[in-house]
């Protein structure tokens, strides 16, 4: 197995907990961070999609980052999601993350306003320029409406702090191209992890690891150790969890929090509007998938 990449092999994009008034629950959020590190993650992303970042304020982002930083200490890398569809807003969050002590910045392609490839590259350059903290680009066109072109990748890797990519394009073969350019590539879709690893990815940025950290970690390690049969067997055992957490319409923060509630990590599954927490029927479907995967 090659040496561990700077951010780790298994990174969980953690949920943000809220109280009954939809205020950020820092203690419960810290509990989520400790849980995923205790169960196999060597990195966490805060204020990403699963952290409901579109609904949190800049001060809340700083408080969440500080609480998680304190909770995990030096046991895991802490990556701050700083990407928005406003470059100035992203810079503000990135500057705050640098002050608080993030180990990395996750910068998503600007969403909704669909900038040109030149605009995307300028956005990355501007956000990366605010500090020397390592940057992970995030390509998820299903959410942003824009994909990062290969020419942008060629130029962005020349930015000294840009070192990694979370690829959620659904195209594992692209990992080979990005690895060849010099990026550390992370799969951004749990169910495609083995394919990405086969094409040179170094690890996974996960949602399912909220509930399945240990088996995901074992799957990755088995593959990288050359035991591909065991890795495939582990993947197959996890299929019901992949489907239950990521394969339903109301997925992401909603299913991650409900899974944590079912496992006793959280006392509730609250999300912040406009998301709606899982209803009882959806929770039962989730429970069935987790039981089938041996996680409950």
C-alpha atoms as a PDB file:
ATOM      1  CA  UNK A   1       0.000   0.000   0.000  1.00  0.00           C
ATOM      2  CA  UNK A   2       1.344   3.438  -0.901  1.00  0.00           C
ATOM      3  CA  UNK A   3       1.923   6.096   1.731  1.00  0.00           C
ATOM      4  CA  UNK A   4      -1.142   7.796   3.149  1.00  0.00           C
ATOM      5  CA  UNK A   5      -2.121  10.952   1.241  1.00  0.00           C
ATOM      6  CA  UNK A   6      -2.090  14.264   3.071  1.00  0.00           C
ATOM      7  CA  UNK A   7      -5.820  14.372   3.852  1.00  0.00           C
ATOM      8  CA  UNK A   8      -6.151  10.641   4.574  1.00  0.00           C
ATOM      9  CA  UNK A   9      -7.821   7.688   2.850  1.00  0.00           C
ATOM     10  CA  UNK A  10     -11.342   7.883   4.247  1.00  0.00           C
ATOM     11  CA  UNK A  11     -12.811  11.342   4.709  1.00  0.00           C
ATOM     12  CA  UNK A  12     -16.369  11.846   5.920  1.00  0.00           C
ATOM     13  CA  UNK A  13     -18.252  14.944   4.824  1.00  0.00           C
ATOM     14  CA  UNK A  14     -20.016  15.324   8.138  1.00  0.00           C
ATOM     15  CA  UNK A  15     -23.529  16.484   8.888  1.00  0.00           C
ATOM     16  CA  UNK A  16     -24.237  19.595  10.942  1.00  0.00           C
ATOM     17  CA  UNK A  17     -26.580  19.030  13.884  1.00  0.00           C
ATOM     18  CA  UNK A  18     -29.382  21.490  14.684  1.00  0.00           C
ATOM     19  CA  UNK A  19     -31.539  21.984  17.751  1.00  0.00           C
ATOM     20  CA  UNK A  20     -35.317  22.297  17.878  1.00  0.00           C
ATOM     21  CA  UNK A  21     -35.082  25.958  16.819  1.00  0.00           C
ATOM     22  CA  UNK A  22     -32.855  25.078  13.837  1.00  0.00           C
ATOM     23  CA  UNK A  23     -29.849  26.633  15.548  1.00  0.00           C
ATOM     24  CA  UNK A  24     -26.493  24.879  15.110  1.00  0.00           C
ATOM     25  CA  UNK A  25     -25.919  22.324  17.877  1.00  0.00           C
ATOM     26  CA  UNK A  26     -22.153  22.483  18.278  1.00  0.00           C
ATOM     27  CA  UNK A  27     -21.923  19.737  20.881  1.00  0.00           C
ATOM     28  CA  UNK A  28     -23.851  17.275  18.743  1.00  0.00           C
ATOM     29  CA  UNK A  29     -21.855  18.266  15.660  1.00  0.00           C
ATOM     30  CA  UNK A  30     -18.639  17.600  17.574  1.00  0.00           C
ATOM     31  CA  UNK A  31     -20.092  14.236  18.596  1.00  0.00           C
ATOM     32  CA  UNK A  32     -20.618  13.351  14.925  1.00  0.00           C
ATOM     33  CA  UNK A  33     -16.995  14.262  14.194  1.00  0.00           C
ATOM     34  CA  UNK A  34     -15.674  12.114  17.045  1.00  0.00           C
ATOM     35  CA  UNK A  35     -17.890   9.238  15.963  1.00  0.00           C
ATOM     36  CA  UNK A  36     -16.668   9.135  12.370  1.00  0.00           C
ATOM     37  CA  UNK A  37     -13.020   9.389  13.455  1.00  0.00           C
ATOM     38  CA  UNK A  38     -13.551   6.644  16.043  1.00  0.00           C
ATOM     39  CA  UNK A  39     -15.004   4.416  13.308  1.00  0.00           C
ATOM     40  CA  UNK A  40     -12.304   4.767  10.683  1.00  0.00           C
ATOM     41  CA  UNK A  41     -12.197   8.214   9.122  1.00  0.00           C
ATOM     42  CA  UNK A  42      -8.834   9.958   9.070  1.00  0.00           C
ATOM     43  CA  UNK A  43     -10.330  13.171   7.714  1.00  0.00           C
ATOM     44  CA  UNK A  44     -13.557  15.152   7.959  1.00  0.00           C
ATOM     45  CA  UNK A  45     -15.123  17.841   5.812  1.00  0.00           C
ATOM     46  CA  UNK A  46     -17.210  20.451   7.614  1.00  0.00           C
ATOM     47  CA  UNK A  47     -19.681  22.811   5.947  1.00  0.00           C
ATOM     48  CA  UNK A  48     -20.004  20.775   2.773  1.00  0.00           C
ATOM     49  CA  UNK A  49     -23.211  19.690   1.079  1.00  0.00           C
ATOM     50  CA  UNK A  50     -23.923  17.124   3.806  1.00  0.00           C
ATOM     51  CA  UNK A  51     -23.192  19.845   6.355  1.00  0.00           C
ATOM     52  CA  UNK A  52     -26.013  21.918   4.817  1.00  0.00           C
ATOM     53  CA  UNK A  53     -23.563  24.725   4.050  1.00  0.00           C
ATOM     54  CA  UNK A  54     -25.972  26.620   1.755  1.00  0.00           C
ATOM     55  CA  UNK A  55     -28.072  27.346   4.869  1.00  0.00           C
ATOM     56  CA  UNK A  56     -25.324  28.293   7.348  1.00  0.00           C
ATOM     57  CA  UNK A  57     -23.890  31.742   7.940  1.00  0.00           C
ATOM     58  CA  UNK A  58     -20.221  32.684   7.902  1.00  0.00           C
ATOM     59  CA  UNK A  59     -20.087  32.985  11.721  1.00  0.00           C
ATOM     60  CA  UNK A  60     -21.781  29.576  12.039  1.00  0.00           C
ATOM     61  CA  UNK A  61     -19.233  28.075   9.643  1.00  0.00           C
ATOM     62  CA  UNK A  62     -16.450  29.367  11.879  1.00  0.00           C
ATOM     63  CA  UNK A  63     -18.069  27.985  15.014  1.00  0.00           C
ATOM     64  CA  UNK A  64     -18.636  24.585  13.407  1.00  0.00           C
ATOM     65  CA  UNK A  65     -15.033  24.409  12.228  1.00  0.00           C
ATOM     66  CA  UNK A  66     -13.684  25.374  15.651  1.00  0.00           C
ATOM     67  CA  UNK A  67     -15.889  22.840  17.451  1.00  0.00           C
ATOM     68  CA  UNK A  68     -14.854  20.011  15.130  1.00  0.00           C
ATOM     69  CA  UNK A  69     -11.196  21.039  15.234  1.00  0.00           C
ATOM     70  CA  UNK A  70     -11.301  20.829  19.030  1.00  0.00           C
ATOM     71  CA  UNK A  71     -13.243  17.554  18.984  1.00  0.00           C
ATOM     72  CA  UNK A  72     -10.868  15.561  16.771  1.00  0.00           C
ATOM     73  CA  UNK A  73      -7.572  17.252  17.667  1.00  0.00           C
ATOM     74  CA  UNK A  74      -4.708  15.789  15.679  1.00  0.00           C
ATOM     75  CA  UNK A  75      -6.472  12.453  15.055  1.00  0.00           C
ATOM     76  CA  UNK A  76      -7.860  13.559  11.697  1.00  0.00           C
ATOM     77  CA  UNK A  77      -7.456  16.249   9.072  1.00  0.00           C
ATOM     78  CA  UNK A  78     -10.207  18.871   9.116  1.00  0.00           C
ATOM     79  CA  UNK A  79     -11.178  20.292   5.741  1.00  0.00           C
ATOM     80  CA  UNK A  80     -13.395  23.357   5.592  1.00  0.00           C
ATOM     81  CA  UNK A  81     -15.948  23.640   2.824  1.00  0.00           C
ATOM     82  CA  UNK A  82     -15.565  27.193   1.546  1.00  0.00           C
ATOM     83  CA  UNK A  83     -17.083  26.984  -1.920  1.00  0.00           C
ATOM     84  CA  UNK A  84     -20.079  29.124  -2.834  1.00  0.00           C
ATOM     85  CA  UNK A  85     -21.364  30.735  -6.017  1.00  0.00           C
ATOM     86  CA  UNK A  86     -19.820  34.066  -5.014  1.00  0.00           C
ATOM     87  CA  UNK A  87     -16.052  34.402  -5.154  1.00  0.00           C
ATOM     88  CA  UNK A  88     -16.034  37.190  -2.565  1.00  0.00           C
ATOM     89  CA  UNK A  89     -18.147  35.093  -0.190  1.00  0.00           C
ATOM     90  CA  UNK A  90     -15.864  32.090  -0.682  1.00  0.00           C
ATOM     91  CA  UNK A  91     -12.825  34.252   0.067  1.00  0.00           C
ATOM     92  CA  UNK A  92     -14.446  35.458   3.288  1.00  0.00           C
ATOM     93  CA  UNK A  93     -15.089  31.887   4.441  1.00  0.00           C
ATOM     94  CA  UNK A  94     -11.604  30.753   3.381  1.00  0.00           C
ATOM     95  CA  UNK A  95      -9.950  33.558   5.340  1.00  0.00           C
ATOM     96  CA  UNK A  96     -11.969  32.577   8.398  1.00  0.00           C
ATOM     97  CA  UNK A  97     -11.034  28.904   7.942  1.00  0.00           C
ATOM     98  CA  UNK A  98      -7.365  29.843   7.860  1.00  0.00           C
ATOM     99  CA  UNK A  99      -7.710  31.791  11.104  1.00  0.00           C
ATOM    100  CA  UNK A 100      -9.552  28.950  12.853  1.00  0.00           C
ATOM    101  CA  UNK A 101      -7.015  26.337  11.799  1.00  0.00           C
ATOM    102  CA  UNK A 102      -8.364  24.234   8.944  1.00  0.00           C
ATOM    103  CA  UNK A 103      -6.010  21.641   7.464  1.00  0.00           C
ATOM    104  CA  UNK A 104      -7.531  22.007   4.021  1.00  0.00           C
ATOM    105  CA  UNK A 105     -10.113  23.875   1.973  1.00  0.00           C
ATOM    106  CA  UNK A 106     -12.778  22.210  -0.175  1.00  0.00           C
ATOM    107  CA  UNK A 107     -13.720  24.495  -3.077  1.00  0.00           C
ATOM    108  CA  UNK A 108     -16.686  23.466  -5.192  1.00  0.00           C
ATOM    109  CA  UNK A 109     -17.389  24.737  -8.689  1.00  0.00           C
ATOM    110  CA  UNK A 110     -19.647  27.812  -8.401  1.00  0.00           C
ATOM    111  CA  UNK A 111     -23.231  26.619  -8.703  1.00  0.00           C
ATOM    112  CA  UNK A 112     -26.416  28.013 -10.229  1.00  0.00           C
ATOM    113  CA  UNK A 113     -24.775  30.971 -12.017  1.00  0.00           C
ATOM    114  CA  UNK A 114     -22.798  28.543 -14.253  1.00  0.00           C
ATOM    115  CA  UNK A 115     -19.619  30.550 -14.964  1.00  0.00           C
ATOM    116  CA  UNK A 116     -17.437  29.874 -17.988  1.00  0.00           C
ATOM    117  CA  UNK A 117     -14.373  27.682 -17.675  1.00  0.00           C
ATOM    118  CA  UNK A 118     -12.274  30.842 -17.441  1.00  0.00           C
ATOM    119  CA  UNK A 119     -14.504  32.070 -14.640  1.00  0.00           C
ATOM    120  CA  UNK A 120     -14.201  28.766 -12.799  1.00  0.00           C
ATOM    121  CA  UNK A 121     -10.399  28.882 -13.017  1.00  0.00           C
ATOM    122  CA  UNK A 122     -10.282  32.499 -11.789  1.00  0.00           C
ATOM    123  CA  UNK A 123     -12.570  31.559  -8.910  1.00  0.00           C
ATOM    124  CA  UNK A 124     -10.244  28.744  -7.854  1.00  0.00           C
ATOM    125  CA  UNK A 125      -7.180  30.970  -8.144  1.00  0.00           C
ATOM    126  CA  UNK A 126      -8.749  33.748  -6.095  1.00  0.00           C
ATOM    127  CA  UNK A 127      -9.939  31.479  -3.277  1.00  0.00           C
ATOM    128  CA  UNK A 128      -6.639  29.580  -3.161  1.00  0.00           C
ATOM    129  CA  UNK A 129      -4.677  32.831  -2.968  1.00  0.00           C
ATOM    130  CA  UNK A 130      -5.974  33.812   0.471  1.00  0.00           C
ATOM    131  CA  UNK A 131      -3.744  31.332   2.321  1.00  0.00           C
ATOM    132  CA  UNK A 132      -1.218  28.545   1.834  1.00  0.00           C
ATOM    133  CA  UNK A 133      -3.665  25.900   3.129  1.00  0.00           C
ATOM    134  CA  UNK A 134      -3.911  22.902   0.762  1.00  0.00           C
ATOM    135  CA  UNK A 135      -6.957  23.029  -1.503  1.00  0.00           C
ATOM    136  CA  UNK A 136      -9.180  20.191  -2.708  1.00  0.00           C
ATOM    137  CA  UNK A 137     -11.270  21.088  -5.736  1.00  0.00           C
ATOM    138  CA  UNK A 138     -14.772  19.614  -5.868  1.00  0.00           C
ATOM    139  CA  UNK A 139     -16.419  18.664  -9.148  1.00  0.00           C
ATOM    140  CA  UNK A 140     -20.082  17.691  -8.786  1.00  0.00           C
ATOM    141  CA  UNK A 141     -21.916  18.796 -11.946  1.00  0.00           C
ATOM    142  CA  UNK A 142     -25.181  17.141 -10.891  1.00  0.00           C
ATOM    143  CA  UNK A 143     -25.453  19.825  -8.196  1.00  0.00           C
ATOM    144  CA  UNK A 144     -23.556  22.755  -9.709  1.00  0.00           C
ATOM    145  CA  UNK A 145     -24.665  22.606 -13.322  1.00  0.00           C
ATOM    146  CA  UNK A 146     -21.049  22.964 -14.508  1.00  0.00           C
ATOM    147  CA  UNK A 147     -18.199  20.482 -14.829  1.00  0.00           C
ATOM    148  CA  UNK A 148     -14.520  21.339 -14.488  1.00  0.00           C
ATOM    149  CA  UNK A 149     -12.853  20.980 -17.876  1.00  0.00           C
ATOM    150  CA  UNK A 150      -9.557  19.180 -18.308  1.00  0.00           C
ATOM    151  CA  UNK A 151      -7.829  22.387 -19.393  1.00  0.00           C
ATOM    152  CA  UNK A 152      -8.895  24.054 -16.136  1.00  0.00           C
ATOM    153  CA  UNK A 153      -7.469  21.105 -14.239  1.00  0.00           C
ATOM    154  CA  UNK A 154      -4.176  21.456 -16.144  1.00  0.00           C
ATOM    155  CA  UNK A 155      -3.891  25.093 -15.146  1.00  0.00           C
ATOM    156  CA  UNK A 156      -5.269  24.794 -11.605  1.00  0.00           C
ATOM    157  CA  UNK A 157      -2.697  22.167 -10.605  1.00  0.00           C
ATOM    158  CA  UNK A 158      -0.031  24.806 -11.217  1.00  0.00           C
ATOM    159  CA  UNK A 159      -1.442  26.748  -8.253  1.00  0.00           C
ATOM    160  CA  UNK A 160       0.891  25.726  -5.443  1.00  0.00           C
ATOM    161  CA  UNK A 161      -1.805  25.055  -2.844  1.00  0.00           C
ATOM    162  CA  UNK A 162      -4.153  23.098  -5.160  1.00  0.00           C
ATOM    163  CA  UNK A 163      -3.314  19.460  -4.492  1.00  0.00           C
ATOM    164  CA  UNK A 164      -6.445  17.296  -4.625  1.00  0.00           C
ATOM    165  CA  UNK A 165      -9.813  16.731  -6.272  1.00  0.00           C
ATOM    166  CA  UNK A 166     -13.063  15.306  -4.972  1.00  0.00           C
ATOM    167  CA  UNK A 167     -14.526  13.865  -8.153  1.00  0.00           C
ATOM    168  CA  UNK A 168     -18.282  13.299  -8.072  1.00  0.00           C
ATOM    169  CA  UNK A 169     -18.760  13.241 -11.827  1.00  0.00           C
ATOM    170  CA  UNK A 170     -19.590   9.535 -11.904  1.00  0.00           C
ATOM    171  CA  UNK A 171     -16.654   8.904 -14.254  1.00  0.00           C
ATOM    172  CA  UNK A 172     -14.029   6.755 -12.503  1.00  0.00           C
ATOM    173  CA  UNK A 173     -11.777   6.729 -15.594  1.00  0.00           C
ATOM    174  CA  UNK A 174     -11.148  10.447 -15.147  1.00  0.00           C
ATOM    175  CA  UNK A 175      -9.183   9.660 -11.995  1.00  0.00           C
ATOM    176  CA  UNK A 176      -6.358   8.344 -14.185  1.00  0.00           C
ATOM    177  CA  UNK A 177      -6.144  11.616 -16.109  1.00  0.00           C
ATOM    178  CA  UNK A 178      -6.223  13.734 -12.968  1.00  0.00           C
ATOM    179  CA  UNK A 179      -3.675  11.561 -11.206  1.00  0.00           C
ATOM    180  CA  UNK A 180      -1.400  11.918 -14.223  1.00  0.00           C
ATOM    181  CA  UNK A 181      -1.691  15.702 -13.901  1.00  0.00           C
ATOM    182  CA  UNK A 182      -0.494  15.465 -10.292  1.00  0.00           C
ATOM    183  CA  UNK A 183      -3.695  15.554  -8.245  1.00  0.00           C
ATOM    184  CA  UNK A 184      -4.572  13.318  -5.328  1.00  0.00           C
ATOM    185  CA  UNK A 185      -8.006  12.146  -6.449  1.00  0.00           C
ATOM    186  CA  UNK A 186     -10.816  11.217  -4.079  1.00  0.00           C
ATOM    187  CA  UNK A 187     -13.959   9.425  -5.137  1.00  0.00           C
ATOM    188  CA  UNK A 188     -17.014  11.532  -4.337  1.00  0.00           C
ATOM    189  CA  UNK A 189     -19.607   8.764  -4.692  1.00  0.00           C
ATOM    190  CA  UNK A 190     -19.488   5.908  -2.160  1.00  0.00           C
ATOM    191  CA  UNK A 191     -20.815   3.248  -4.505  1.00  0.00           C
ATOM    192  CA  UNK A 192     -18.118   3.971  -7.131  1.00  0.00           C
ATOM    193  CA  UNK A 193     -15.155   3.797  -4.755  1.00  0.00           C
ATOM    194  CA  UNK A 194     -13.602   0.617  -6.117  1.00  0.00           C
ATOM    195  CA  UNK A 195     -13.760   1.906  -9.680  1.00  0.00           C
ATOM    196  CA  UNK A 196     -12.043   5.138  -8.722  1.00  0.00           C
ATOM    197  CA  UNK A 197      -9.346   3.293  -6.774  1.00  0.00           C
ATOM    198  CA  UNK A 198      -8.723   1.087  -9.813  1.00  0.00           C
ATOM    199  CA  UNK A 199      -8.033   4.211 -11.862  1.00  0.00           C
ATOM    200  CA  UNK A 200      -5.617   5.683  -9.328  1.00  0.00           C
ATOM    201  CA  UNK A 201      -7.713   7.521  -6.750  1.00  0.00           C
ATOM    202  CA  UNK A 202      -6.187   7.695  -3.276  1.00  0.00           C
ATOM    203  CA  UNK A 203      -9.379   7.486  -1.225  1.00  0.00           C
ATOM    204  CA  UNK A 204     -12.999   8.447  -0.663  1.00  0.00           C
ATOM    205  CA  UNK A 205     -14.893  11.491   0.567  1.00  0.00           C
ATOM    206  CA  UNK A 206     -17.913   9.730   1.989  1.00  0.00           C
ATOM    207  CA  UNK A 207     -21.435  10.227   3.237  1.00  0.00           C
ATOM    208  CA  UNK A 208     -22.097   6.554   3.980  1.00  0.00           C
ATOM    209  CA  UNK A 209     -19.182   6.516   6.451  1.00  0.00           C
ATOM    210  CA  UNK A 210     -21.470   8.213   8.961  1.00  0.00           C
ATOM    211  CA  UNK A 211     -22.906   4.721   9.431  1.00  0.00           C
ATOM    212  CA  UNK A 212     -20.304   2.430   7.840  1.00  0.00           C
ATOM    213  CA  UNK A 213     -16.859   3.818   8.571  1.00  0.00           C
ATOM    214  CA  UNK A 214     -15.163   0.590   9.588  1.00  0.00           C
ATOM    215  CA  UNK A 215     -16.306  -1.562   6.640  1.00  0.00           C
ATOM    216  CA  UNK A 216     -15.554   1.248   4.173  1.00  0.00           C
ATOM    217  CA  UNK A 217     -12.083   1.620   5.641  1.00  0.00           C
ATOM    218  CA  UNK A 218     -11.533  -2.131   5.419  1.00  0.00           C
ATOM    219  CA  UNK A 219     -12.751  -2.171   1.808  1.00  0.00           C
ATOM    220  CA  UNK A 220     -10.318   0.579   0.781  1.00  0.00           C
ATOM    221  CA  UNK A 221      -7.414  -1.028   2.607  1.00  0.00           C
ATOM    222  CA  UNK A 222      -8.142  -4.441   1.108  1.00  0.00           C
ATOM    223  CA  UNK A 223      -8.156  -3.019  -2.399  1.00  0.00           C
ATOM    224  CA  UNK A 224      -4.942  -1.072  -1.930  1.00  0.00           C
ATOM    225  CA  UNK A 225      -3.280  -4.149  -0.408  1.00  0.00           C
ATOM    226  CA  UNK A 226      -4.104  -6.089  -3.575  1.00  0.00           C
ATOM    227  CA  UNK A 227      -6.884  -8.230  -2.086  1.00  0.00           C
ATOM    228  CA  UNK A 228      -9.402  -7.248  -4.716  1.00  0.00           C
ATOM    229  CA  UNK A 229     -11.680 -10.208  -4.027  1.00  0.00           C
ATOM    230  CA  UNK A 230     -12.126  -9.149  -0.401  1.00  0.00           C
ATOM    231  CA  UNK A 231     -12.615  -5.531  -1.443  1.00  0.00           C
ATOM    232  CA  UNK A 232     -15.376  -6.569  -3.821  1.00  0.00           C
ATOM    233  CA  UNK A 233     -16.964  -8.749  -1.150  1.00  0.00           C
ATOM    234  CA  UNK A 234     -16.932  -5.786   1.261  1.00  0.00           C
ATOM    235  CA  UNK A 235     -18.454  -3.560  -1.405  1.00  0.00           C
ATOM    236  CA  UNK A 236     -21.173  -6.116  -2.062  1.00  0.00           C
ATOM    237  CA  UNK A 237     -22.023  -6.345   1.630  1.00  0.00           C
ATOM    238  CA  UNK A 238     -22.424  -2.558   1.694  1.00  0.00           C
ATOM    239  CA  UNK A 239     -24.735  -2.327  -1.323  1.00  0.00           C
ATOM    240  CA  UNK A 240     -27.921  -2.128   0.794  1.00  0.00           C
ATOM    241  CA  UNK A 241     -26.398   0.763   2.757  1.00  0.00           C
ATOM    242  CA  UNK A 242     -25.318   2.581  -0.405  1.00  0.00           C
ATOM    243  CA  UNK A 243     -28.850   2.243  -1.750  1.00  0.00           C
ATOM    244  CA  UNK A 244     -30.519   3.239   1.523  1.00  0.00           C
ATOM    245  CA  UNK A 245     -28.358   6.306   2.204  1.00  0.00           C
ATOM    246  CA  UNK A 246     -27.553   7.574  -1.292  1.00  0.00           C
ATOM    247  CA  UNK A 247     -30.001   5.874  -3.644  1.00  0.00           C
ATOM    248  CA  UNK A 248     -33.236   7.545  -2.562  1.00  0.00           C
ATOM    249  CA  UNK A 249     -34.692  10.933  -3.586  1.00  0.00           C
ATOM    250  CA  UNK A 250     -34.414  12.526  -0.123  1.00  0.00           C
ATOM    251  CA  UNK A 251     -30.740  11.664   0.480  1.00  0.00           C
ATOM    252  CA  UNK A 252     -27.622  13.267   1.893  1.00  0.00           C
ATOM    253  CA  UNK A 253     -27.812  15.165   5.169  1.00  0.00           C
ATOM    254  CA  UNK A 254     -31.286  13.738   5.725  1.00  0.00           C
ATOM    255  CA  UNK A 255     -30.272  10.087   5.467  1.00  0.00           C
ATOM    256  CA  UNK A 256     -26.929  10.584   7.218  1.00  0.00           C
ATOM    257  CA  UNK A 257     -28.621  12.112  10.257  1.00  0.00           C
ATOM    258  CA  UNK A 258     -31.337   9.486  10.342  1.00  0.00           C
ATOM    259  CA  UNK A 259     -28.667   6.763  10.203  1.00  0.00           C
ATOM    260  CA  UNK A 260     -26.837   8.404  13.095  1.00  0.00           C
ATOM    261  CA  UNK A 261     -30.098   8.506  15.039  1.00  0.00           C
ATOM    262  CA  UNK A 262     -30.714   4.812  14.370  1.00  0.00           C
ATOM    263  CA  UNK A 263     -27.198   4.005  15.575  1.00  0.00           C
ATOM    264  CA  UNK A 264     -27.660   6.085  18.736  1.00  0.00           C
ATOM    265  CA  UNK A 265     -25.137   8.814  17.876  1.00  0.00           C
ATOM    266  CA  UNK A 266     -27.771  11.553  17.540  1.00  0.00           C
ATOM    267  CA  UNK A 267     -30.997  11.956  19.465  1.00  0.00           C
ATOM    268  CA  UNK A 268     -32.870  13.357  16.460  1.00  0.00           C
ATOM    269  CA  UNK A 269     -32.605  13.778  12.707  1.00  0.00           C
ATOM    270  CA  UNK A 270     -33.397  17.476  12.335  1.00  0.00           C
ATOM    271  CA  UNK A 271     -32.339  19.360   9.221  1.00  0.00           C
ATOM    272  CA  UNK A 272     -32.614  23.027   8.337  1.00  0.00           C
ATOM    273  CA  UNK A 273     -35.171  24.226   5.792  1.00  0.00           C
ATOM    274  CA  UNK A 274     -35.597  23.870   2.872  1.00  0.00           C
ATOM    275  CA  UNK A 275     -34.600  20.256   3.584  1.00  0.00           C
ATOM    276  CA  UNK A 276     -37.173  18.039   5.275  1.00  0.00           C
ATOM    277  CA  UNK A 277     -36.171  15.296   7.675  1.00  0.00           C
ATOM    278  CA  UNK A 278     -37.047  11.716   6.786  1.00  0.00           C
ATOM    279  CA  UNK A 279     -40.571  10.681   7.648  1.00  0.00           C
ATOM    280  CA  UNK A 280     -41.273   7.457   9.529  1.00  0.00           C
ATOM    281  CA  UNK A 281     -41.694   5.363   6.374  1.00  0.00           C
ATOM    282  CA  UNK A 282     -38.395   6.654   4.992  1.00  0.00           C
ATOM    283  CA  UNK A 283     -36.666   5.879   8.284  1.00  0.00           C
ATOM    284  CA  UNK A 284     -37.965   2.323   8.186  1.00  0.00           C
ATOM    285  CA  UNK A 285     -36.666   1.897   4.640  1.00  0.00           C
ATOM    286  CA  UNK A 286     -33.302   3.232   5.803  1.00  0.00           C
ATOM    287  CA  UNK A 287     -33.330   0.872   8.776  1.00  0.00           C
ATOM    288  CA  UNK A 288     -33.982  -2.076   6.459  1.00  0.00           C
ATOM    289  CA  UNK A 289     -30.966  -1.166   4.325  1.00  0.00           C
ATOM    290  CA  UNK A 290     -28.660  -0.727   7.292  1.00  0.00           C
ATOM    291  CA  UNK A 291     -29.766  -4.027   8.802  1.00  0.00           C
ATOM    292  CA  UNK A 292     -29.198  -5.801   5.472  1.00  0.00           C
ATOM    293  CA  UNK A 293     -25.672  -4.345   5.381  1.00  0.00           C
ATOM    294  CA  UNK A 294     -24.956  -5.530   8.941  1.00  0.00           C
ATOM    295  CA  UNK A 295     -24.788  -1.994  10.332  1.00  0.00           C
ATOM    296  CA  UNK A 296     -27.660  -2.303  12.830  1.00  0.00           C
END
